[in-house]
Amino acid sequence: MPAGRFAPSPTSDLHLGNLRTALVAWLAARSTGRDFLVRIEDLDQQRVAAARGVAERQLADLAALGLDHDGPVVVQSERTALYEEALAQLDTYECFCSRKEIAEAAQAPHDGVRVYPGTCRDLSEAERSARRRDRSPALRVRANAATVTVNDVLHGEVTGLVDDFVVRRNDGVHAYNLAVVVDDGRQRVDQVVRGDDLLGSSPRQAWLANQLEYDVPTYLHVPLAVSESGARLAKRDGAVTLAELVDQGVGPGRVLGTLAESLGLAQPGEPVTVNDLLARFNVEALPRGPWLVASLAQAPACENKMSMT
């Protein structure tokens, strides 16, 4: 069964912007007869270890809003053999550059994505052997400066230059761009809904999907939630997670109503369930601009009905 998905990283609790994206992902999948999958992207174990219990709280938040999912939750750290299998199918080379060295390279970012200048692409075996004594290498894929265009439901055609990007870090951790493509391909995810801060990575991922002989999914990049300053929503902006809002007397139903209102799916203060929203959902009518988040804790209370589907 083709599927959509929501794939949070368990390093911090979901804030209102994350929950809004999850709601859109659920509505987009359910409205098109797709399965809705949840995947925990926990490859960065150092950061995950510093945030114990987050994955469980994320799943509980989704359930509290009525966002059910199909099948078991997939955990990336249990799938490293699949990523290694994918690496064996790619033309890769060792890279010894530090982030600072790449940042100081002559080539400027291309459409917001920093382009790797190819410093290590043509090193001899002797040069690679010498550099391994001082630094463990990352693996980069040879993309040969391909140009790829993807189609996004809200943003239209998005064209990007695909540089030789990292597919395995120098600490042995598989890179996000590799893992997400392998997981989407293996799980038959053909609809990717996520925040529009990841829009620029889509050409790379589409290119990689083609290299691994997976179908390229359709994309829907949701505009971000922002604070009154215009910056991306963060914990410094006050009560922005479901648990924090519940502690201040704002229940899950009211949060769901606010998310729905921000998407043009409900009137202010209207009690709704996810099934109500599903009947109203029209992907083409979704807002194109960022969502300015006001303080829910200071807004008038409203009791919204909930349905755990």
C-alpha atoms as a PDB file:
ATOM      1  CA  MET A   1       0.000   0.000   0.000  1.00  0.00           C
ATOM      2  CA  PRO A   2       1.440   3.441  -0.922  1.00  0.00           C
ATOM      3  CA  ALA A   3       1.964   5.623   2.113  1.00  0.00           C
ATOM      4  CA  GLY A   4       2.582   9.027   3.585  1.00  0.00           C
ATOM      5  CA  ARG A   5       4.564   9.466   6.758  1.00  0.00           C
ATOM      6  CA  PHE A   6       5.652  11.629   9.661  1.00  0.00           C
ATOM      7  CA  ALA A   7       9.268  11.180  10.712  1.00  0.00           C
ATOM      8  CA  PRO A   8      10.359  13.187  13.756  1.00  0.00           C
ATOM      9  CA  SER A   9      13.800  13.161  15.320  1.00  0.00           C
ATOM     10  CA  PRO A  10      13.523  12.243  19.030  1.00  0.00           C
ATOM     11  CA  THR A  11      15.792  15.008  20.281  1.00  0.00           C
ATOM     12  CA  SER A  12      13.112  17.407  21.559  1.00  0.00           C
ATOM     13  CA  ASP A  13       9.372  17.418  22.174  1.00  0.00           C
ATOM     14  CA  LEU A  14       7.159  18.331  19.227  1.00  0.00           C
ATOM     15  CA  HIS A  15       6.185  22.001  19.177  1.00  0.00           C
ATOM     16  CA  LEU A  16       3.108  23.494  17.535  1.00  0.00           C
ATOM     17  CA  GLY A  17       4.817  23.761  14.158  1.00  0.00           C
ATOM     18  CA  ASN A  18       5.809  20.082  14.230  1.00  0.00           C
ATOM     19  CA  LEU A  19       2.291  19.073  15.269  1.00  0.00           C
ATOM     20  CA  ARG A  20       0.827  21.169  12.456  1.00  0.00           C
ATOM     21  CA  THR A  21       3.056  19.413   9.912  1.00  0.00           C
ATOM     22  CA  ALA A  22       2.062  16.035  11.379  1.00  0.00           C
ATOM     23  CA  LEU A  23      -1.606  16.973  11.027  1.00  0.00           C
ATOM     24  CA  VAL A  24      -1.139  17.945   7.363  1.00  0.00           C
ATOM     25  CA  ALA A  25       0.785  14.712   6.717  1.00  0.00           C
ATOM     26  CA  TRP A  26      -2.015  12.654   8.291  1.00  0.00           C
ATOM     27  CA  LEU A  27      -4.737  14.502   6.365  1.00  0.00           C
ATOM     28  CA  ALA A  28      -2.840  14.255   3.064  1.00  0.00           C
ATOM     29  CA  ALA A  29      -2.345  10.504   3.473  1.00  0.00           C
ATOM     30  CA  ARG A  30      -5.820   9.658   4.747  1.00  0.00           C
ATOM     31  CA  SER A  31      -7.581  11.838   2.166  1.00  0.00           C
ATOM     32  CA  THR A  32      -5.864   9.955  -0.670  1.00  0.00           C
ATOM     33  CA  GLY A  33      -6.354   6.443   0.682  1.00  0.00           C
ATOM     34  CA  ARG A  34      -2.730   5.996   1.667  1.00  0.00           C
ATOM     35  CA  ASP A  35      -1.392   4.362   4.802  1.00  0.00           C
ATOM     36  CA  PHE A  36       0.023   6.792   7.351  1.00  0.00           C
ATOM     37  CA  LEU A  37       3.360   5.697   8.808  1.00  0.00           C
ATOM     38  CA  VAL A  38       5.409   7.016  11.710  1.00  0.00           C
ATOM     39  CA  ARG A  39       9.197   6.691  11.648  1.00  0.00           C
ATOM     40  CA  ILE A  40      11.596   7.727  14.412  1.00  0.00           C
ATOM     41  CA  GLU A  41      14.760   9.219  12.905  1.00  0.00           C
ATOM     42  CA  ASP A  42      17.224   8.526  15.692  1.00  0.00           C
ATOM     43  CA  LEU A  43      20.517   7.963  13.879  1.00  0.00           C
ATOM     44  CA  ASP A  44      22.301  10.663  15.882  1.00  0.00           C
ATOM     45  CA  GLN A  45      22.488   8.575  19.043  1.00  0.00           C
ATOM     46  CA  GLN A  46      24.548  11.132  20.947  1.00  0.00           C
ATOM     47  CA  ARG A  47      21.765  13.714  20.720  1.00  0.00           C
ATOM     48  CA  VAL A  48      19.065  11.091  21.300  1.00  0.00           C
ATOM     49  CA  ALA A  49      20.771   9.843  24.462  1.00  0.00           C
ATOM     50  CA  ALA A  50      20.667  13.373  25.870  1.00  0.00           C
ATOM     51  CA  ALA A  51      16.886  13.521  25.380  1.00  0.00           C
ATOM     52  CA  ARG A  52      15.546  10.350  26.975  1.00  0.00           C
ATOM     53  CA  GLY A  53      11.862   9.590  26.652  1.00  0.00           C
ATOM     54  CA  VAL A  54      11.246  12.070  23.835  1.00  0.00           C
ATOM     55  CA  ALA A  55      10.150   9.486  21.245  1.00  0.00           C
ATOM     56  CA  GLU A  56       7.514   8.113  23.613  1.00  0.00           C
ATOM     57  CA  ARG A  57       6.197  11.618  24.308  1.00  0.00           C
ATOM     58  CA  GLN A  58       6.085  12.414  20.585  1.00  0.00           C
ATOM     59  CA  LEU A  59       3.967   9.342  19.910  1.00  0.00           C
ATOM     60  CA  ALA A  60       1.701  10.214  22.839  1.00  0.00           C
ATOM     61  CA  ASP A  61       1.210  13.751  21.467  1.00  0.00           C
ATOM     62  CA  LEU A  62       0.164  12.411  18.064  1.00  0.00           C
ATOM     63  CA  ALA A  63      -2.325  10.070  19.712  1.00  0.00           C
ATOM     64  CA  ALA A  64      -3.700  12.885  21.877  1.00  0.00           C
ATOM     65  CA  LEU A  65      -4.583  14.841  18.734  1.00  0.00           C
ATOM     66  CA  GLY A  66      -6.241  11.784  17.182  1.00  0.00           C
ATOM     67  CA  LEU A  67      -3.516  11.076  14.614  1.00  0.00           C
ATOM     68  CA  ASP A  68      -3.404   7.301  14.318  1.00  0.00           C
ATOM     69  CA  HIS A  69      -0.877   5.406  12.199  1.00  0.00           C
ATOM     70  CA  ASP A  70      -0.624   2.094  10.357  1.00  0.00           C
ATOM     71  CA  GLY A  71       1.739  -0.716  11.272  1.00  0.00           C
ATOM     72  CA  PRO A  72       4.609  -0.600  13.741  1.00  0.00           C
ATOM     73  CA  VAL A  73       6.716   2.501  14.314  1.00  0.00           C
ATOM     74  CA  VAL A  74       9.970   2.158  12.369  1.00  0.00           C
ATOM     75  CA  VAL A  75      13.187   3.157  14.164  1.00  0.00           C
ATOM     76  CA  GLN A  76      16.101   4.185  11.964  1.00  0.00           C
ATOM     77  CA  SER A  77      18.848   2.998  14.312  1.00  0.00           C
ATOM     78  CA  GLU A  78      17.584  -0.546  13.770  1.00  0.00           C
ATOM     79  CA  ARG A  79      17.995  -0.302   9.987  1.00  0.00           C
ATOM     80  CA  THR A  80      21.697   0.426   9.499  1.00  0.00           C
ATOM     81  CA  ALA A  81      22.228  -2.779   7.490  1.00  0.00           C
ATOM     82  CA  LEU A  82      19.823  -1.420   4.871  1.00  0.00           C
ATOM     83  CA  TYR A  83      21.805   1.811   4.615  1.00  0.00           C
ATOM     84  CA  GLU A  84      25.064  -0.085   4.176  1.00  0.00           C
ATOM     85  CA  GLU A  85      23.414  -2.151   1.461  1.00  0.00           C
ATOM     86  CA  ALA A  86      22.430   1.050  -0.319  1.00  0.00           C
ATOM     87  CA  LEU A  87      25.953   2.471  -0.020  1.00  0.00           C
ATOM     88  CA  ALA A  88      27.295  -0.564  -1.873  1.00  0.00           C
ATOM     89  CA  GLN A  89      25.135   0.434  -4.865  1.00  0.00           C
ATOM     90  CA  LEU A  90      26.535   3.964  -5.077  1.00  0.00           C
ATOM     91  CA  ASP A  91      29.708   5.460  -6.501  1.00  0.00           C
ATOM     92  CA  THR A  92      31.276   6.996  -3.399  1.00  0.00           C
ATOM     93  CA  TYR A  93      34.647   8.333  -2.302  1.00  0.00           C
ATOM     94  CA  GLU A  94      36.327   9.226   0.986  1.00  0.00           C
ATOM     95  CA  CYS A  95      36.296  12.857   2.078  1.00  0.00           C
ATOM     96  CA  PHE A  96      38.603  14.261   4.753  1.00  0.00           C
ATOM     97  CA  CYS A  97      37.372  17.874   4.737  1.00  0.00           C
ATOM     98  CA  SER A  98      36.154  19.470   7.954  1.00  0.00           C
ATOM     99  CA  ARG A  99      33.026  21.611   8.037  1.00  0.00           C
ATOM    100  CA  LYS A 100      35.195  24.666   8.528  1.00  0.00           C
ATOM    101  CA  GLU A 101      37.274  23.845   5.459  1.00  0.00           C
ATOM    102  CA  ILE A 102      34.150  23.398   3.345  1.00  0.00           C
ATOM    103  CA  ALA A 103      32.621  26.621   4.688  1.00  0.00           C
ATOM    104  CA  GLU A 104      35.790  28.505   3.758  1.00  0.00           C
ATOM    105  CA  ALA A 105      35.895  27.051   0.236  1.00  0.00           C
ATOM    106  CA  ALA A 106      35.421  29.404  -2.692  1.00  0.00           C
ATOM    107  CA  GLN A 107      32.002  28.142  -3.788  1.00  0.00           C
ATOM    108  CA  ALA A 108      29.057  29.968  -2.182  1.00  0.00           C
ATOM    109  CA  PRO A 109      25.787  28.270  -1.209  1.00  0.00           C
ATOM    110  CA  HIS A 110      23.577  27.419  -4.211  1.00  0.00           C
ATOM    111  CA  ASP A 111      19.910  28.159  -3.473  1.00  0.00           C
ATOM    112  CA  GLY A 112      20.609  27.858   0.245  1.00  0.00           C
ATOM    113  CA  VAL A 113      22.540  24.579  -0.047  1.00  0.00           C
ATOM    114  CA  ARG A 114      26.315  24.753   0.364  1.00  0.00           C
ATOM    115  CA  VAL A 115      27.976  23.095  -2.610  1.00  0.00           C
ATOM    116  CA  TYR A 116      30.935  20.826  -1.923  1.00  0.00           C
ATOM    117  CA  PRO A 117      33.939  22.030  -3.993  1.00  0.00           C
ATOM    118  CA  GLY A 118      35.262  18.530  -4.779  1.00  0.00           C
ATOM    119  CA  THR A 119      38.450  18.823  -2.735  1.00  0.00           C
ATOM    120  CA  CYS A 120      38.806  15.080  -2.111  1.00  0.00           C
ATOM    121  CA  ARG A 121      37.109  13.762  -5.260  1.00  0.00           C
ATOM    122  CA  ASP A 122      40.278  12.856  -7.159  1.00  0.00           C
ATOM    123  CA  LEU A 123      42.767  12.009  -4.412  1.00  0.00           C
ATOM    124  CA  SER A 124      45.150   9.158  -5.154  1.00  0.00           C
ATOM    125  CA  GLU A 125      45.170   6.071  -2.952  1.00  0.00           C
ATOM    126  CA  ALA A 126      48.466   7.226  -1.464  1.00  0.00           C
ATOM    127  CA  GLU A 127      46.955  10.614  -0.594  1.00  0.00           C
ATOM    128  CA  ARG A 128      43.908   8.976   0.979  1.00  0.00           C
ATOM    129  CA  SER A 129      46.090   6.609   2.991  1.00  0.00           C
ATOM    130  CA  ALA A 130      48.146   9.494   4.326  1.00  0.00           C
ATOM    131  CA  ARG A 131      45.083  11.493   5.339  1.00  0.00           C
ATOM    132  CA  ARG A 132      43.469   8.533   7.117  1.00  0.00           C
ATOM    133  CA  ARG A 133      46.301   8.710   9.677  1.00  0.00           C
ATOM    134  CA  ASP A 134      45.051  12.114  10.815  1.00  0.00           C
ATOM    135  CA  ARG A 135      41.311  11.994  10.265  1.00  0.00           C
ATOM    136  CA  SER A 136      38.571   9.434   9.719  1.00  0.00           C
ATOM    137  CA  PRO A 137      36.876  10.004   6.367  1.00  0.00           C
ATOM    138  CA  ALA A 138      33.264  10.649   5.520  1.00  0.00           C
ATOM    139  CA  LEU A 139      31.787   9.113   2.388  1.00  0.00           C
ATOM    140  CA  ARG A 140      30.495  11.303  -0.427  1.00  0.00           C
ATOM    141  CA  VAL A 141      28.568  10.198  -3.493  1.00  0.00           C
ATOM    142  CA  ARG A 142      29.687  11.216  -6.965  1.00  0.00           C
ATOM    143  CA  ALA A 143      26.772  13.211  -8.364  1.00  0.00           C
ATOM    144  CA  ASN A 144      28.730  14.959 -11.129  1.00  0.00           C
ATOM    145  CA  ALA A 145      26.935  18.264 -10.559  1.00  0.00           C
ATOM    146  CA  ALA A 146      23.586  16.913 -11.716  1.00  0.00           C
ATOM    147  CA  THR A 147      20.620  19.297 -11.931  1.00  0.00           C
ATOM    148  CA  VAL A 148      17.329  17.846 -10.721  1.00  0.00           C
ATOM    149  CA  THR A 149      13.799  19.257 -10.719  1.00  0.00           C
ATOM    150  CA  VAL A 150      11.118  18.059  -8.318  1.00  0.00           C
ATOM    151  CA  ASN A 151       7.462  19.030  -8.090  1.00  0.00           C
ATOM    152  CA  ASP A 152       6.045  20.323  -4.825  1.00  0.00           C
ATOM    153  CA  VAL A 153       2.309  20.718  -4.251  1.00  0.00           C
ATOM    154  CA  LEU A 154       2.684  24.187  -2.716  1.00  0.00           C
ATOM    155  CA  HIS A 155       5.919  25.440  -4.271  1.00  0.00           C
ATOM    156  CA  GLY A 156       5.641  24.100  -7.814  1.00  0.00           C
ATOM    157  CA  GLU A 157       8.798  23.085  -9.671  1.00  0.00           C
ATOM    158  CA  VAL A 158      11.957  23.234  -7.570  1.00  0.00           C
ATOM    159  CA  THR A 159      15.286  22.825  -9.364  1.00  0.00           C
ATOM    160  CA  GLY A 160      18.527  22.221  -7.538  1.00  0.00           C
ATOM    161  CA  LEU A 161      22.168  21.433  -8.221  1.00  0.00           C
ATOM    162  CA  VAL A 162      23.170  18.082  -6.720  1.00  0.00           C
ATOM    163  CA  ASP A 163      26.729  18.227  -5.445  1.00  0.00           C
ATOM    164  CA  ASP A 164      28.795  15.355  -4.043  1.00  0.00           C
ATOM    165  CA  PHE A 165      26.923  15.223  -0.737  1.00  0.00           C
ATOM    166  CA  VAL A 166      27.780  13.149   2.336  1.00  0.00           C
ATOM    167  CA  VAL A 167      26.080   9.759   2.644  1.00  0.00           C
ATOM    168  CA  ARG A 168      28.004   8.553   5.711  1.00  0.00           C
ATOM    169  CA  ARG A 169      29.609  10.838   8.256  1.00  0.00           C
ATOM    170  CA  ASN A 170      33.173  10.444   9.474  1.00  0.00           C
ATOM    171  CA  ASP A 171      31.878   9.060  12.780  1.00  0.00           C
ATOM    172  CA  GLY A 172      30.200   6.199  10.894  1.00  0.00           C
ATOM    173  CA  VAL A 173      26.648   7.556  11.188  1.00  0.00           C
ATOM    174  CA  HIS A 174      24.633   7.330   7.991  1.00  0.00           C
ATOM    175  CA  ALA A 175      23.599  10.734   6.700  1.00  0.00           C
ATOM    176  CA  TYR A 176      20.012  11.955   6.759  1.00  0.00           C
ATOM    177  CA  ASN A 177      19.797  12.222   2.970  1.00  0.00           C
ATOM    178  CA  LEU A 178      20.711   8.554   2.549  1.00  0.00           C
ATOM    179  CA  ALA A 179      18.602   7.146   5.381  1.00  0.00           C
ATOM    180  CA  VAL A 180      15.440   9.044   4.492  1.00  0.00           C
ATOM    181  CA  VAL A 181      15.585   7.952   0.849  1.00  0.00           C
ATOM    182  CA  VAL A 182      16.209   4.311   1.723  1.00  0.00           C
ATOM    183  CA  ASP A 183      13.439   4.290   4.325  1.00  0.00           C
ATOM    184  CA  ASP A 184      10.915   5.998   2.058  1.00  0.00           C
ATOM    185  CA  GLY A 185      11.773   3.617  -0.756  1.00  0.00           C
ATOM    186  CA  ARG A 186      11.585   0.518   1.415  1.00  0.00           C
ATOM    187  CA  GLN A 187       8.349   1.605   3.073  1.00  0.00           C
ATOM    188  CA  ARG A 188       6.667   2.525  -0.236  1.00  0.00           C
ATOM    189  CA  VAL A 189       6.297   6.133   0.853  1.00  0.00           C
ATOM    190  CA  ASP A 190       5.245   8.036  -2.263  1.00  0.00           C
ATOM    191  CA  GLN A 191       4.003  11.178  -0.484  1.00  0.00           C
ATOM    192  CA  VAL A 192       6.434  13.233   1.601  1.00  0.00           C
ATOM    193  CA  VAL A 193       5.001  15.988   3.796  1.00  0.00           C
ATOM    194  CA  ARG A 194       7.438  17.979   5.937  1.00  0.00           C
ATOM    195  CA  GLY A 195       8.506  21.521   6.847  1.00  0.00           C
ATOM    196  CA  ASP A 196       9.619  23.807   4.040  1.00  0.00           C
ATOM    197  CA  ASP A 197      13.018  24.250   5.667  1.00  0.00           C
ATOM    198  CA  LEU A 198      13.821  20.907   3.986  1.00  0.00           C
ATOM    199  CA  LEU A 199      12.672  21.963   0.525  1.00  0.00           C
ATOM    200  CA  GLY A 200      16.232  22.556  -0.663  1.00  0.00           C
ATOM    201  CA  SER A 201      17.248  18.959   0.084  1.00  0.00           C
ATOM    202  CA  SER A 202      14.557  17.495  -2.195  1.00  0.00           C
ATOM    203  CA  PRO A 203      16.581  17.555  -5.455  1.00  0.00           C
ATOM    204  CA  ARG A 204      19.397  15.640  -3.742  1.00  0.00           C
ATOM    205  CA  GLN A 205      16.975  13.065  -2.399  1.00  0.00           C
ATOM    206  CA  ALA A 206      15.171  12.688  -5.717  1.00  0.00           C
ATOM    207  CA  TRP A 207      18.514  12.149  -7.450  1.00  0.00           C
ATOM    208  CA  LEU A 208      19.479   9.541  -4.876  1.00  0.00           C
ATOM    209  CA  ALA A 209      16.118   7.776  -5.183  1.00  0.00           C
ATOM    210  CA  ASN A 210      16.755   7.428  -8.904  1.00  0.00           C
ATOM    211  CA  GLN A 211      20.235   6.042  -8.284  1.00  0.00           C
ATOM    212  CA  LEU A 212      18.791   3.402  -5.931  1.00  0.00           C
ATOM    213  CA  GLU A 213      15.908   2.659  -8.330  1.00  0.00           C
ATOM    214  CA  TYR A 214      13.173   3.912  -6.024  1.00  0.00           C
ATOM    215  CA  ASP A 215      10.232   5.954  -7.250  1.00  0.00           C
ATOM    216  CA  VAL A 216      10.537   9.662  -6.490  1.00  0.00           C
ATOM    217  CA  PRO A 217       7.709  10.687  -4.123  1.00  0.00           C
ATOM    218  CA  THR A 218       5.446  13.674  -4.474  1.00  0.00           C
ATOM    219  CA  TYR A 219       6.432  16.495  -2.119  1.00  0.00           C
ATOM    220  CA  LEU A 220       4.426  18.850   0.058  1.00  0.00           C
ATOM    221  CA  HIS A 221       6.570  21.229   2.088  1.00  0.00           C
ATOM    222  CA  VAL A 222       4.511  22.966   4.755  1.00  0.00           C
ATOM    223  CA  PRO A 223       5.397  26.582   5.653  1.00  0.00           C
ATOM    224  CA  LEU A 224       7.002  26.881   9.065  1.00  0.00           C
ATOM    225  CA  ALA A 225       5.474  28.143  12.283  1.00  0.00           C
ATOM    226  CA  VAL A 226       7.174  31.345  13.389  1.00  0.00           C
ATOM    227  CA  SER A 227       7.190  33.523  16.486  1.00  0.00           C
ATOM    228  CA  GLU A 228       6.210  37.181  16.635  1.00  0.00           C
ATOM    229  CA  SER A 229       9.824  38.054  15.799  1.00  0.00           C
ATOM    230  CA  GLY A 230       9.545  36.119  12.544  1.00  0.00           C
ATOM    231  CA  ALA A 231      12.032  33.476  13.663  1.00  0.00           C
ATOM    232  CA  ARG A 232      11.292  29.759  13.515  1.00  0.00           C
ATOM    233  CA  LEU A 233       9.236  28.682  16.537  1.00  0.00           C
ATOM    234  CA  ALA A 234      11.366  27.369  19.426  1.00  0.00           C
ATOM    235  CA  LYS A 235      11.103  26.570  23.122  1.00  0.00           C
ATOM    236  CA  ARG A 236      12.336  30.052  23.988  1.00  0.00           C
ATOM    237  CA  ASP A 237       8.989  31.335  22.696  1.00  0.00           C
ATOM    238  CA  GLY A 238       7.155  30.021  25.773  1.00  0.00           C
ATOM    239  CA  ALA A 239       4.558  27.268  25.939  1.00  0.00           C
ATOM    240  CA  VAL A 240       4.856  25.703  22.486  1.00  0.00           C
ATOM    241  CA  THR A 241       4.649  21.962  23.183  1.00  0.00           C
ATOM    242  CA  LEU A 242       1.492  20.033  23.946  1.00  0.00           C
ATOM    243  CA  ALA A 243       2.643  19.124  27.463  1.00  0.00           C
ATOM    244  CA  GLU A 244       3.483  22.757  28.268  1.00  0.00           C
ATOM    245  CA  LEU A 245       0.123  23.929  27.000  1.00  0.00           C
ATOM    246  CA  VAL A 246      -1.761  21.249  28.940  1.00  0.00           C
ATOM    247  CA  ASP A 247       0.070  22.385  32.086  1.00  0.00           C
ATOM    248  CA  GLN A 248      -1.334  25.864  31.440  1.00  0.00           C
ATOM    249  CA  GLY A 249      -4.892  24.636  30.946  1.00  0.00           C
ATOM    250  CA  VAL A 250      -4.885  24.356  27.150  1.00  0.00           C
ATOM    251  CA  GLY A 251      -6.127  20.862  26.254  1.00  0.00           C
ATOM    252  CA  PRO A 252      -5.374  18.783  23.135  1.00  0.00           C
ATOM    253  CA  GLY A 253      -8.777  19.621  21.650  1.00  0.00           C
ATOM    254  CA  ARG A 254      -8.101  23.319  21.768  1.00  0.00           C
ATOM    255  CA  VAL A 255      -4.636  22.779  20.281  1.00  0.00           C
ATOM    256  CA  LEU A 256      -6.161  20.770  17.433  1.00  0.00           C
ATOM    257  CA  GLY A 257      -8.672  23.549  16.791  1.00  0.00           C
ATOM    258  CA  THR A 258      -5.906  26.132  16.647  1.00  0.00           C
ATOM    259  CA  LEU A 259      -3.883  24.029  14.209  1.00  0.00           C
ATOM    260  CA  ALA A 260      -7.003  23.561  12.068  1.00  0.00           C
ATOM    261  CA  GLU A 261      -7.732  27.288  12.114  1.00  0.00           C
ATOM    262  CA  SER A 262      -4.163  28.031  10.973  1.00  0.00           C
ATOM    263  CA  LEU A 263      -4.742  25.742   7.975  1.00  0.00           C
ATOM    264  CA  GLY A 264      -8.063  27.300   7.030  1.00  0.00           C
ATOM    265  CA  LEU A 265      -9.975  24.204   8.141  1.00  0.00           C
ATOM    266  CA  ALA A 266     -11.871  25.597  11.135  1.00  0.00           C
ATOM    267  CA  GLN A 267     -13.314  28.824  12.475  1.00  0.00           C
ATOM    268  CA  PRO A 268     -11.824  30.434  15.602  1.00  0.00           C
ATOM    269  CA  GLY A 269     -12.969  28.500  18.659  1.00  0.00           C
ATOM    270  CA  GLU A 270     -14.803  25.848  16.640  1.00  0.00           C
ATOM    271  CA  PRO A 271     -14.808  22.360  18.207  1.00  0.00           C
ATOM    272  CA  VAL A 272     -13.404  19.857  15.686  1.00  0.00           C
ATOM    273  CA  THR A 273     -12.077  16.315  15.422  1.00  0.00           C
ATOM    274  CA  VAL A 274      -9.542  15.000  12.941  1.00  0.00           C
ATOM    275  CA  ASN A 275     -12.401  13.307  11.081  1.00  0.00           C
ATOM    276  CA  ASP A 276     -14.136  16.685  10.747  1.00  0.00           C
ATOM    277  CA  LEU A 277     -10.952  18.074   9.245  1.00  0.00           C
ATOM    278  CA  LEU A 278     -10.537  15.117   6.920  1.00  0.00           C
ATOM    279  CA  ALA A 279     -13.925  15.856   5.347  1.00  0.00           C
ATOM    280  CA  ARG A 280     -12.879  19.475   4.730  1.00  0.00           C
ATOM    281  CA  PHE A 281      -9.293  18.911   3.623  1.00  0.00           C
ATOM    282  CA  ASN A 282      -8.200  20.313   0.253  1.00  0.00           C
ATOM    283  CA  VAL A 283      -4.451  20.240  -0.253  1.00  0.00           C
ATOM    284  CA  GLU A 284      -4.593  22.950  -2.913  1.00  0.00           C
ATOM    285  CA  ALA A 285      -6.170  25.379  -0.426  1.00  0.00           C
ATOM    286  CA  LEU A 286      -3.403  25.123   2.169  1.00  0.00           C
ATOM    287  CA  PRO A 287      -1.759  28.417   3.177  1.00  0.00           C
ATOM    288  CA  ARG A 288       1.427  29.262   1.283  1.00  0.00           C
ATOM    289  CA  GLY A 289       2.974  31.534   3.898  1.00  0.00           C
ATOM    290  CA  PRO A 290       4.414  30.952   7.393  1.00  0.00           C
ATOM    291  CA  TRP A 291       2.120  30.634  10.390  1.00  0.00           C
ATOM    292  CA  LEU A 292       2.572  33.353  13.007  1.00  0.00           C
ATOM    293  CA  VAL A 293       1.934  31.656  16.346  1.00  0.00           C
ATOM    294  CA  ALA A 294       0.252  33.675  19.080  1.00  0.00           C
ATOM    295  CA  SER A 295       0.224  32.565  22.703  1.00  0.00           C
ATOM    296  CA  LEU A 296      -2.474  29.949  23.239  1.00  0.00           C
ATOM    297  CA  ALA A 297      -2.071  30.160  26.979  1.00  0.00           C
ATOM    298  CA  GLN A 298      -3.348  33.753  26.929  1.00  0.00           C
ATOM    299  CA  ALA A 299      -6.194  33.183  24.440  1.00  0.00           C
ATOM    300  CA  PRO A 300      -9.804  32.576  25.557  1.00  0.00           C
ATOM    301  CA  ALA A 301     -10.396  28.948  26.468  1.00  0.00           C
ATOM    302  CA  CYS A 302     -12.430  26.728  24.197  1.00  0.00           C
ATOM    303  CA  GLU A 303     -13.408  23.117  24.659  1.00  0.00           C
ATOM    304  CA  ASN A 304     -12.913  21.126  21.465  1.00  0.00           C
ATOM    305  CA  LYS A 305     -14.346  17.639  21.024  1.00  0.00           C
ATOM    306  CA  MET A 306     -11.832  14.906  20.319  1.00  0.00           C
ATOM    307  CA  SER A 307     -11.994  11.582  18.554  1.00  0.00           C
ATOM    308  CA  MET A 308      -9.195   9.049  18.965  1.00  0.00           C
ATOM    309  CA  THR A 309      -9.290   7.362  15.556  1.00  0.00           C
END
